[in-house]
Amino acid sequence: LLYTAVTRAAEFVRVVGTEEAVRAAVARPVSRASGLRH
């Protein structure tokens, strides 16, 4: 979610939040999968 959001910008990104929220987002990849990879 964080990666998708910041990569929508061409010139400037402003992140509104706490450091704890940023760290939680970076540390939490989506675990959902299609079953194809296995």
Full PDB file with SEQRES, HELIX, SHEET, SSBOND, CRYST1, ORIGX, SCALE, CONECT and MASTER records, all heavy atoms in Angstrom:
SEQRES   1 A   38  LEU LEU TYR THR ALA VAL THR ARG ALA ALA GLU PHE VAL          
SEQRES   2 A   38  ARG VAL VAL GLY THR GLU GLU ALA VAL ARG ALA ALA VAL          
SEQRES   3 A   38  ALA ARG PRO VAL SER ARG ALA SER GLY LEU ARG HIS              
HELIX    1 AA1 LEU A    2  VAL A    6  1                                   5    
HELIX    2 AA2 GLU A   19  ALA A   27  1                                   9    
CRYST1    1.000    1.000    1.000  90.00  90.00  90.00 P 1           1          
ORIGX1      1.000000  0.000000  0.000000        0.00000                         
ORIGX2      0.000000  1.000000  0.000000        0.00000                         
ORIGX3      0.000000  0.000000  1.000000        0.00000                         
SCALE1      1.000000  0.000000  0.000000        0.00000                         
SCALE2      0.000000  1.000000  0.000000        0.00000                         
SCALE3      0.000000  0.000000  1.000000        0.00000                         
ATOM      1  N   LEU A   1       0.825  -1.206   0.000  1.00  0.00           N  
ATOM      2  CA  LEU A   1       0.000   0.000   0.000  1.00  0.00           C  
ATOM      3  C   LEU A   1       0.861   1.258   0.000  1.00  0.00           C  
ATOM      4  O   LEU A   1       0.621   2.189  -0.773  1.00  0.00           O  
ATOM      5  CB  LEU A   1      -0.935  -0.005   1.209  1.00  0.00           C  
ATOM      6  CG  LEU A   1      -1.863   1.214   1.300  1.00  0.00           C  
ATOM      7  CD1 LEU A   1      -3.291   0.782   1.567  1.00  0.00           C  
ATOM      8  CD2 LEU A   1      -1.402   2.184   2.388  1.00  0.00           C  
ATOM      9  N   LEU A   2       1.883   1.302   0.849  1.00  0.00           N  
ATOM     10  CA  LEU A   2       2.754   2.476   0.906  1.00  0.00           C  
ATOM     11  C   LEU A   2       3.517   2.653  -0.396  1.00  0.00           C  
ATOM     12  O   LEU A   2       3.615   3.762  -0.929  1.00  0.00           O  
ATOM     13  CB  LEU A   2       3.719   2.337   2.087  1.00  0.00           C  
ATOM     14  CG  LEU A   2       4.704   3.486   2.303  1.00  0.00           C  
ATOM     15  CD1 LEU A   2       3.981   4.817   2.469  1.00  0.00           C  
ATOM     16  CD2 LEU A   2       5.593   3.203   3.520  1.00  0.00           C  
ATOM     17  N   TYR A   3       4.027   1.562  -0.939  1.00  0.00           N  
ATOM     18  CA  TYR A   3       4.766   1.631  -2.206  1.00  0.00           C  
ATOM     19  C   TYR A   3       3.870   2.120  -3.333  1.00  0.00           C  
ATOM     20  O   TYR A   3       4.243   2.989  -4.125  1.00  0.00           O  
ATOM     21  CB  TYR A   3       5.338   0.255  -2.542  1.00  0.00           C  
ATOM     22  CG  TYR A   3       5.968   0.170  -3.914  1.00  0.00           C  
ATOM     23  CD1 TYR A   3       7.272   0.616  -4.139  1.00  0.00           C  
ATOM     24  CD2 TYR A   3       5.265  -0.367  -4.992  1.00  0.00           C  
ATOM     25  CE1 TYR A   3       7.841   0.539  -5.395  1.00  0.00           C  
ATOM     26  CE2 TYR A   3       5.833  -0.447  -6.243  1.00  0.00           C  
ATOM     27  CZ  TYR A   3       7.124   0.005  -6.441  1.00  0.00           C  
ATOM     28  OH  TYR A   3       7.690  -0.065  -7.701  1.00  0.00           O  
ATOM     29  N   THR A   4       2.664   1.580  -3.422  1.00  0.00           N  
ATOM     30  CA  THR A   4       1.728   1.993  -4.472  1.00  0.00           C  
ATOM     31  C   THR A   4       1.393   3.470  -4.341  1.00  0.00           C  
ATOM     32  O   THR A   4       1.342   4.202  -5.336  1.00  0.00           O  
ATOM     33  CB  THR A   4       0.449   1.154  -4.409  1.00  0.00           C  
ATOM     34  OG1 THR A   4       0.779  -0.227  -4.563  1.00  0.00           O  
ATOM     35  CG2 THR A   4      -0.527   1.558  -5.503  1.00  0.00           C  
ATOM     36  N   ALA A   5       1.169   3.928  -3.129  1.00  0.00           N  
ATOM     37  CA  ALA A   5       0.776   5.320  -2.910  1.00  0.00           C  
ATOM     38  C   ALA A   5       1.872   6.292  -3.330  1.00  0.00           C  
ATOM     39  O   ALA A   5       1.623   7.252  -4.063  1.00  0.00           O  
ATOM     40  CB  ALA A   5       0.413   5.534  -1.438  1.00  0.00           C  
ATOM     41  N   VAL A   6       3.091   6.059  -2.882  1.00  0.00           N  
ATOM     42  CA  VAL A   6       4.163   7.030  -3.170  1.00  0.00           C  
ATOM     43  C   VAL A   6       4.563   7.010  -4.644  1.00  0.00           C  
ATOM     44  O   VAL A   6       5.017   8.027  -5.189  1.00  0.00           O  
ATOM     45  CB  VAL A   6       5.396   6.804  -2.275  1.00  0.00           C  
ATOM     46  CG1 VAL A   6       5.029   6.946  -0.810  1.00  0.00           C  
ATOM     47  CG2 VAL A   6       6.046   5.461  -2.540  1.00  0.00           C  
ATOM     48  N   THR A   7       4.374   5.890  -5.307  1.00  0.00           N  
ATOM     49  CA  THR A   7       4.752   5.820  -6.725  1.00  0.00           C  
ATOM     50  C   THR A   7       3.671   6.368  -7.647  1.00  0.00           C  
ATOM     51  O   THR A   7       3.807   6.283  -8.872  1.00  0.00           O  
ATOM     52  CB  THR A   7       5.102   4.376  -7.125  1.00  0.00           C  
ATOM     53  OG1 THR A   7       4.021   3.499  -6.791  1.00  0.00           O  
ATOM     54  CG2 THR A   7       6.368   3.909  -6.423  1.00  0.00           C  
ATOM     55  N   ARG A   8       2.618   6.953  -7.105  1.00  0.00           N  
ATOM     56  CA  ARG A   8       1.635   7.655  -7.942  1.00  0.00           C  
ATOM     57  C   ARG A   8       2.118   9.068  -8.274  1.00  0.00           C  
ATOM     58  O   ARG A   8       1.513   9.741  -9.110  1.00  0.00           O  
ATOM     59  CB  ARG A   8       0.289   7.785  -7.220  1.00  0.00           C  
ATOM     60  CG  ARG A   8      -0.453   6.497  -6.848  1.00  0.00           C  
ATOM     61  CD  ARG A   8      -0.590   5.543  -7.986  1.00  0.00           C  
ATOM     62  NE  ARG A   8       0.541   4.629  -8.020  1.00  0.00           N  
ATOM     63  CZ  ARG A   8       0.992   4.049  -9.123  1.00  0.00           C  
ATOM     64  NH1 ARG A   8       0.430   4.299 -10.283  1.00  0.00           N  
ATOM     65  NH2 ARG A   8       2.024   3.229  -9.093  1.00  0.00           N  
ATOM     66  N   ALA A   9       3.157   9.552  -7.614  1.00  0.00           N  
ATOM     67  CA  ALA A   9       3.590  10.946  -7.755  1.00  0.00           C  
ATOM     68  C   ALA A   9       4.684  11.087  -8.794  1.00  0.00           C  
ATOM     69  O   ALA A   9       5.556  10.225  -8.933  1.00  0.00           O  
ATOM     70  CB  ALA A   9       4.085  11.479  -6.413  1.00  0.00           C  
ATOM     71  N   ALA A  10       4.657  12.212  -9.514  1.00  0.00           N  
ATOM     72  CA  ALA A  10       5.695  12.522 -10.489  1.00  0.00           C  
ATOM     73  C   ALA A  10       6.716  13.503  -9.943  1.00  0.00           C  
ATOM     74  O   ALA A  10       7.886  13.469 -10.342  1.00  0.00           O  
ATOM     75  CB  ALA A  10       5.063  13.093 -11.766  1.00  0.00           C  
ATOM     76  N   GLU A  11       6.297  14.393  -9.032  1.00  0.00           N  
ATOM     77  CA  GLU A  11       7.188  15.462  -8.593  1.00  0.00           C  
ATOM     78  C   GLU A  11       7.390  15.519  -7.085  1.00  0.00           C  
ATOM     79  O   GLU A  11       8.475  15.910  -6.628  1.00  0.00           O  
ATOM     80  CB  GLU A  11       6.632  16.821  -9.056  1.00  0.00           C  
ATOM     81  CG  GLU A  11       6.516  16.958 -10.564  1.00  0.00           C  
ATOM     82  CD  GLU A  11       5.863  18.276 -10.967  1.00  0.00           C  
ATOM     83  OE1 GLU A  11       5.576  19.093 -10.063  1.00  0.00           O  
ATOM     84  OE2 GLU A  11       5.655  18.489 -12.167  1.00  0.00           O  
ATOM     85  N   PHE A  12       6.382  15.174  -6.307  1.00  0.00           N  
ATOM     86  CA  PHE A  12       6.466  15.418  -4.867  1.00  0.00           C  
ATOM     87  C   PHE A  12       5.558  14.461  -4.110  1.00  0.00           C  
ATOM     88  O   PHE A  12       4.434  14.185  -4.549  1.00  0.00           O  
ATOM     89  CB  PHE A  12       6.048  16.869  -4.564  1.00  0.00           C  
ATOM     90  CG  PHE A  12       5.989  17.211  -3.107  1.00  0.00           C  
ATOM     91  CD1 PHE A  12       7.126  17.592  -2.414  1.00  0.00           C  
ATOM     92  CD2 PHE A  12       4.788  17.164  -2.423  1.00  0.00           C  
ATOM     93  CE1 PHE A  12       7.067  17.908  -1.056  1.00  0.00           C  
ATOM     94  CE2 PHE A  12       4.707  17.482  -1.073  1.00  0.00           C  
ATOM     95  CZ  PHE A  12       5.865  17.853  -0.387  1.00  0.00           C  
ATOM     96  N   VAL A  13       6.054  13.955  -2.973  1.00  0.00           N  
ATOM     97  CA  VAL A  13       5.269  13.098  -2.084  1.00  0.00           C  
ATOM     98  C   VAL A  13       5.337  13.665  -0.673  1.00  0.00           C  
ATOM     99  O   VAL A  13       6.413  13.995  -0.175  1.00  0.00           O  
ATOM    100  CB  VAL A  13       5.793  11.656  -2.075  1.00  0.00           C  
ATOM    101  CG1 VAL A  13       5.136  10.850  -0.955  1.00  0.00           C  
ATOM    102  CG2 VAL A  13       5.539  10.976  -3.406  1.00  0.00           C  
ATOM    103  N   ARG A  14       4.173  13.757  -0.052  1.00  0.00           N  
ATOM    104  CA  ARG A  14       4.078  14.126   1.360  1.00  0.00           C  
ATOM    105  C   ARG A  14       3.444  12.944   2.098  1.00  0.00           C  
ATOM    106  O   ARG A  14       2.356  12.493   1.737  1.00  0.00           O  
ATOM    107  CB  ARG A  14       3.209  15.372   1.548  1.00  0.00           C  
ATOM    108  CG  ARG A  14       2.960  15.760   3.010  1.00  0.00           C  
ATOM    109  CD  ARG A  14       1.971  16.898   3.138  1.00  0.00           C  
ATOM    110  NE  ARG A  14       2.475  18.129   2.519  1.00  0.00           N  
ATOM    111  CZ  ARG A  14       2.045  18.627   1.358  1.00  0.00           C  
ATOM    112  NH1 ARG A  14       1.085  17.975   0.678  1.00  0.00           N  
ATOM    113  NH2 ARG A  14       2.535  19.733   0.854  1.00  0.00           N  
ATOM    114  N   VAL A  15       4.127  12.446   3.120  1.00  0.00           N  
ATOM    115  CA  VAL A  15       3.589  11.360   3.934  1.00  0.00           C  
ATOM    116  C   VAL A  15       3.105  11.943   5.249  1.00  0.00           C  
ATOM    117  O   VAL A  15       3.881  12.567   5.990  1.00  0.00           O  
ATOM    118  CB  VAL A  15       4.651  10.272   4.190  1.00  0.00           C  
ATOM    119  CG1 VAL A  15       4.097   9.191   5.112  1.00  0.00           C  
ATOM    120  CG2 VAL A  15       5.110   9.664   2.869  1.00  0.00           C  
ATOM    121  N   VAL A  16       1.821  11.774   5.535  1.00  0.00           N  
ATOM    122  CA  VAL A  16       1.214  12.258   6.779  1.00  0.00           C  
ATOM    123  C   VAL A  16       1.013  11.055   7.689  1.00  0.00           C  
ATOM    124  O   VAL A  16       0.233  10.153   7.379  1.00  0.00           O  
ATOM    125  CB  VAL A  16      -0.133  12.955   6.507  1.00  0.00           C  
ATOM    126  CG1 VAL A  16      -0.756  13.434   7.818  1.00  0.00           C  
ATOM    127  CG2 VAL A  16       0.040  14.110   5.536  1.00  0.00           C  
ATOM    128  N   GLY A  17       1.727  11.029   8.812  1.00  0.00           N  
ATOM    129  CA  GLY A  17       1.614   9.897   9.713  1.00  0.00           C  
ATOM    130  C   GLY A  17       2.703   9.911  10.759  1.00  0.00           C  
ATOM    131  O   GLY A  17       3.413  10.905  10.926  1.00  0.00           O  
ATOM    132  N   THR A  18       2.841   8.794  11.438  1.00  0.00           N  
ATOM    133  CA  THR A  18       3.859   8.653  12.474  1.00  0.00           C  
ATOM    134  C   THR A  18       4.980   7.742  11.989  1.00  0.00           C  
ATOM    135  O   THR A  18       4.795   6.962  11.042  1.00  0.00           O  
ATOM    136  CB  THR A  18       3.261   8.058  13.753  1.00  0.00           C  
ATOM    137  OG1 THR A  18       2.797   6.722  13.467  1.00  0.00           O  
ATOM    138  CG2 THR A  18       2.085   8.899  14.245  1.00  0.00           C  
ATOM    139  N   GLU A  19       6.125   7.848  12.662  1.00  0.00           N  
ATOM    140  CA  GLU A  19       7.228   6.954  12.319  1.00  0.00           C  
ATOM    141  C   GLU A  19       6.828   5.507  12.553  1.00  0.00           C  
ATOM    142  O   GLU A  19       7.199   4.611  11.787  1.00  0.00           O  
ATOM    143  CB  GLU A  19       8.463   7.308  13.139  1.00  0.00           C  
ATOM    144  CG  GLU A  19       9.652   6.403  12.841  1.00  0.00           C  
ATOM    145  CD  GLU A  19      10.920   6.795  13.583  1.00  0.00           C  
ATOM    146  OE1 GLU A  19      11.120   8.003  13.831  1.00  0.00           O  
ATOM    147  OE2 GLU A  19      11.731   5.887  13.889  1.00  0.00           O  
ATOM    148  N   GLU A  20       6.056   5.257  13.615  1.00  0.00           N  
ATOM    149  CA  GLU A  20       5.613   3.892  13.894  1.00  0.00           C  
ATOM    150  C   GLU A  20       4.771   3.336  12.756  1.00  0.00           C  
ATOM    151  O   GLU A  20       4.889   2.148  12.398  1.00  0.00           O  
ATOM    152  CB  GLU A  20       4.795   3.865  15.194  1.00  0.00           C  
ATOM    153  CG  GLU A  20       5.596   4.138  16.455  1.00  0.00           C  
ATOM    154  CD  GLU A  20       5.991   5.604  16.611  1.00  0.00           C  
ATOM    155  OE1 GLU A  20       5.337   6.467  15.980  1.00  0.00           O  
ATOM    156  OE2 GLU A  20       6.949   5.884  17.355  1.00  0.00           O  
ATOM    157  N   ALA A  21       3.939   4.187  12.164  1.00  0.00           N  
ATOM    158  CA  ALA A  21       3.111   3.746  11.043  1.00  0.00           C  
ATOM    159  C   ALA A  21       3.969   3.417   9.827  1.00  0.00           C  
ATOM    160  O   ALA A  21       3.721   2.422   9.130  1.00  0.00           O  
ATOM    161  CB  ALA A  21       2.087   4.821  10.698  1.00  0.00           C  
ATOM    162  N   VAL A  22       4.961   4.241   9.549  1.00  0.00           N  
ATOM    163  CA  VAL A  22       5.857   3.976   8.420  1.00  0.00           C  
ATOM    164  C   VAL A  22       6.589   2.660   8.624  1.00  0.00           C  
ATOM    165  O   VAL A  22       6.665   1.816   7.716  1.00  0.00           O  
ATOM    166  CB  VAL A  22       6.858   5.130   8.239  1.00  0.00           C  
ATOM    167  CG1 VAL A  22       7.878   4.782   7.155  1.00  0.00           C  
ATOM    168  CG2 VAL A  22       6.132   6.420   7.885  1.00  0.00           C  
ATOM    169  N   ARG A  23       7.141   2.469   9.813  1.00  0.00           N  
ATOM    170  CA  ARG A  23       7.876   1.227  10.083  1.00  0.00           C  
ATOM    171  C   ARG A  23       6.964   0.003  10.009  1.00  0.00           C  
ATOM    172  O   ARG A  23       7.359  -1.050   9.496  1.00  0.00           O  
ATOM    173  CB  ARG A  23       8.547   1.311  11.454  1.00  0.00           C  
ATOM    174  CG  ARG A  23       9.715   2.301  11.500  1.00  0.00           C  
ATOM    175  CD  ARG A  23      10.431   2.269  12.838  1.00  0.00           C  
ATOM    176  NE  ARG A  23      11.580   3.161  12.834  1.00  0.00           N  
ATOM    177  CZ  ARG A  23      12.788   2.845  12.348  1.00  0.00           C  
ATOM    178  NH1 ARG A  23      12.992   1.620  11.852  1.00  0.00           N  
ATOM    179  NH2 ARG A  23      13.774   3.712  12.376  1.00  0.00           N  
ATOM    180  N   ALA A  24       5.740   0.147  10.485  1.00  0.00           N  
ATOM    181  CA  ALA A  24       4.796  -0.976  10.419  1.00  0.00           C  
ATOM    182  C   ALA A  24       4.478  -1.327   8.969  1.00  0.00           C  
ATOM    183  O   ALA A  24       4.409  -2.508   8.604  1.00  0.00           O  
ATOM    184  CB  ALA A  24       3.520  -0.627  11.184  1.00  0.00           C  
ATOM    185  N   ALA A  25       4.271  -0.303   8.139  1.00  0.00           N  
ATOM    186  CA  ALA A  25       3.955  -0.558   6.730  1.00  0.00           C  
ATOM    187  C   ALA A  25       5.107  -1.257   6.026  1.00  0.00           C  
ATOM    188  O   ALA A  25       4.910  -2.252   5.310  1.00  0.00           O  
ATOM    189  CB  ALA A  25       3.634   0.759   6.034  1.00  0.00           C  
ATOM    190  N   VAL A  26       6.319  -0.758   6.219  1.00  0.00           N  
ATOM    191  CA  VAL A  26       7.483  -1.333   5.529  1.00  0.00           C  
ATOM    192  C   VAL A  26       7.720  -2.771   5.971  1.00  0.00           C  
ATOM    193  O   VAL A  26       8.145  -3.616   5.174  1.00  0.00           O  
ATOM    194  CB  VAL A  26       8.733  -0.466   5.793  1.00  0.00           C  
ATOM    195  CG1 VAL A  26       9.975  -1.121   5.199  1.00  0.00           C  
ATOM    196  CG2 VAL A  26       8.542   0.932   5.199  1.00  0.00           C  
ATOM    197  N   ALA A  27       7.428  -3.067   7.210  1.00  0.00           N  
ATOM    198  CA  ALA A  27       7.696  -4.400   7.752  1.00  0.00           C  
ATOM    199  C   ALA A  27       6.590  -5.404   7.485  1.00  0.00           C  
ATOM    200  O   ALA A  27       6.732  -6.574   7.837  1.00  0.00           O  
ATOM    201  CB  ALA A  27       7.930  -4.296   9.267  1.00  0.00           C  
ATOM    202  N   ARG A  28       5.485  -4.973   6.861  1.00  0.00           N  
ATOM    203  CA  ARG A  28       4.312  -5.836   6.744  1.00  0.00           C  
ATOM    204  C   ARG A  28       3.938  -6.060   5.280  1.00  0.00           C  
ATOM    205  O   ARG A  28       3.045  -5.403   4.745  1.00  0.00           O  
ATOM    206  CB  ARG A  28       3.138  -5.216   7.493  1.00  0.00           C  
ATOM    207  CG  ARG A  28       1.911  -6.116   7.601  1.00  0.00           C  
ATOM    208  CD  ARG A  28       0.763  -5.340   8.234  1.00  0.00           C  
ATOM    209  NE  ARG A  28       1.035  -4.973   9.614  1.00  0.00           N  
ATOM    210  CZ  ARG A  28       0.542  -3.905  10.223  1.00  0.00           C  
ATOM    211  NH1 ARG A  28      -0.234  -3.052   9.572  1.00  0.00           N  
ATOM    212  NH2 ARG A  28       0.835  -3.662  11.485  1.00  0.00           N  
ATOM    213  N   PRO A  29       4.583  -7.014   4.590  1.00  0.00           N  
ATOM    214  CA  PRO A  29       4.166  -7.317   3.219  1.00  0.00           C  
ATOM    215  C   PRO A  29       2.855  -8.077   3.215  1.00  0.00           C  
ATOM    216  O   PRO A  29       2.526  -8.783   4.184  1.00  0.00           O  
ATOM    217  CB  PRO A  29       5.311  -8.188   2.680  1.00  0.00           C  
ATOM    218  CG  PRO A  29       5.877  -8.832   3.902  1.00  0.00           C  
ATOM    219  CD  PRO A  29       5.724  -7.829   5.025  1.00  0.00           C  
ATOM    220  N   VAL A  30       2.098  -7.916   2.144  1.00  0.00           N  
ATOM    221  CA  VAL A  30       0.840  -8.646   2.016  1.00  0.00           C  
ATOM    222  C   VAL A  30       1.140 -10.132   1.905  1.00  0.00           C  
ATOM    223  O   VAL A  30       1.988 -10.551   1.107  1.00  0.00           O  
ATOM    224  CB  VAL A  30       0.055  -8.159   0.782  1.00  0.00           C  
ATOM    225  CG1 VAL A  30      -1.160  -9.055   0.541  1.00  0.00           C  
ATOM    226  CG2 VAL A  30      -0.405  -6.723   0.973  1.00  0.00           C  
ATOM    227  N   SER A  31       0.465 -10.944   2.691  1.00  0.00           N  
ATOM    228  CA  SER A  31       0.717 -12.381   2.668  1.00  0.00           C  
ATOM    229  C   SER A  31      -0.213 -13.127   1.727  1.00  0.00           C  
ATOM    230  O   SER A  31       0.000 -14.297   1.426  1.00  0.00           O  
ATOM    231  CB  SER A  31       0.570 -12.955   4.087  1.00  0.00           C  
ATOM    232  OG  SER A  31      -0.729 -12.706   4.589  1.00  0.00           O  
ATOM    233  N   ARG A  32      -1.251 -12.434   1.243  1.00  0.00           N  
ATOM    234  CA  ARG A  32      -2.221 -13.096   0.364  1.00  0.00           C  
ATOM    235  C   ARG A  32      -1.556 -13.489  -0.947  1.00  0.00           C  
ATOM    236  O   ARG A  32      -0.766 -12.755  -1.513  1.00  0.00           O  
ATOM    237  CB  ARG A  32      -3.379 -12.141   0.082  1.00  0.00           C  
ATOM    238  CG  ARG A  32      -4.455 -12.717  -0.819  1.00  0.00           C  
ATOM    239  CD  ARG A  32      -5.679 -11.836  -0.741  1.00  0.00           C  
ATOM    240  NE  ARG A  32      -5.422 -10.482  -1.181  1.00  0.00           N  
ATOM    241  CZ  ARG A  32      -5.760 -10.018  -2.377  1.00  0.00           C  
ATOM    242  NH1 ARG A  32      -6.342 -10.823  -3.239  1.00  0.00           N  
ATOM    243  NH2 ARG A  32      -5.528  -8.774  -2.708  1.00  0.00           N  
ATOM    244  N   ALA A  33      -1.872 -14.644  -1.466  1.00  0.00           N  
ATOM    245  CA  ALA A  33      -1.283 -15.123  -2.722  1.00  0.00           C  
ATOM    246  C   ALA A  33      -2.326 -15.887  -3.510  1.00  0.00           C  
ATOM    247  O   ALA A  33      -3.374 -16.268  -3.006  1.00  0.00           O  
ATOM    248  CB  ALA A  33      -0.074 -16.014  -2.447  1.00  0.00           C  
ATOM    249  N   SER A  34      -2.013 -16.137  -4.782  1.00  0.00           N  
ATOM    250  CA  SER A  34      -2.958 -16.811  -5.662  1.00  0.00           C  
ATOM    251  C   SER A  34      -2.818 -18.320  -5.635  1.00  0.00           C  
ATOM    252  O   SER A  34      -3.659 -19.035  -6.147  1.00  0.00           O  
ATOM    253  CB  SER A  34      -2.747 -16.323  -7.100  1.00  0.00           C  
ATOM    254  OG  SER A  34      -1.444 -16.655  -7.533  1.00  0.00           O  
ATOM    255  N   GLY A  35      -1.710 -18.814  -5.062  1.00  0.00           N  
ATOM    256  CA  GLY A  35      -1.450 -20.243  -5.121  1.00  0.00           C  
ATOM    257  C   GLY A  35      -0.575 -20.619  -6.292  1.00  0.00           C  
ATOM    258  O   GLY A  35      -0.122 -21.754  -6.398  1.00  0.00           O  
ATOM    259  N   LEU A  36      -0.305 -19.663  -7.187  1.00  0.00           N  
ATOM    260  CA  LEU A  36       0.492 -19.976  -8.373  1.00  0.00           C  
ATOM    261  C   LEU A  36       1.958 -20.142  -8.051  1.00  0.00           C  
ATOM    262  O   LEU A  36       2.649 -20.967  -8.624  1.00  0.00           O  
ATOM    263  CB  LEU A  36       0.328 -18.859  -9.420  1.00  0.00           C  
ATOM    264  CG  LEU A  36      -1.072 -18.606  -9.953  1.00  0.00           C  
ATOM    265  CD1 LEU A  36      -1.019 -17.526 -11.014  1.00  0.00           C  
ATOM    266  CD2 LEU A  36      -1.668 -19.881 -10.521  1.00  0.00           C  
ATOM    267  N   ARG A  37       2.463 -19.308  -7.127  1.00  0.00           N  
ATOM    268  CA  ARG A  37       3.899 -19.285  -6.883  1.00  0.00           C  
ATOM    269  C   ARG A  37       4.415 -20.644  -6.413  1.00  0.00           C  
ATOM    270  O   ARG A  37       5.452 -21.125  -6.852  1.00  0.00           O  
ATOM    271  CB  ARG A  37       4.222 -18.206  -5.858  1.00  0.00           C  
ATOM    272  CG  ARG A  37       5.705 -17.931  -5.713  1.00  0.00           C  
ATOM    273  CD  ARG A  37       5.939 -16.773  -4.779  1.00  0.00           C  
ATOM    274  NE  ARG A  37       7.339 -16.493  -4.607  1.00  0.00           N  
ATOM    275  CZ  ARG A  37       7.815 -15.565  -3.789  1.00  0.00           C  
ATOM    276  NH1 ARG A  37       6.988 -14.823  -3.101  1.00  0.00           N  
ATOM    277  NH2 ARG A  37       9.117 -15.388  -3.660  1.00  0.00           N  
ATOM    278  N   HIS A  38       3.656 -21.285  -5.523  1.00  0.00           N  
ATOM    279  CA  HIS A  38       4.064 -22.587  -5.020  1.00  0.00           C  
ATOM    280  C   HIS A  38       4.069 -23.619  -6.152  1.00  0.00           C  
ATOM    281  O   HIS A  38       5.005 -24.401  -6.303  1.00  0.00           O  
ATOM    282  CB  HIS A  38       3.108 -23.020  -3.908  1.00  0.00           C  
ATOM    283  CG  HIS A  38       3.337 -24.429  -3.437  1.00  0.00           C  
ATOM    284  ND1 HIS A  38       4.452 -24.802  -2.730  1.00  0.00           N  
ATOM    285  CD2 HIS A  38       2.574 -25.547  -3.597  1.00  0.00           C  
ATOM    286  CE1 HIS A  38       4.376 -26.099  -2.462  1.00  0.00           C  
ATOM    287  NE2 HIS A  38       3.250 -26.570  -2.977  1.00  0.00           N  
TER     288      HIS A  38                                                      
MASTER        0    0    0    2    0    0    0    6  287    1    0    3          
END                                                                             
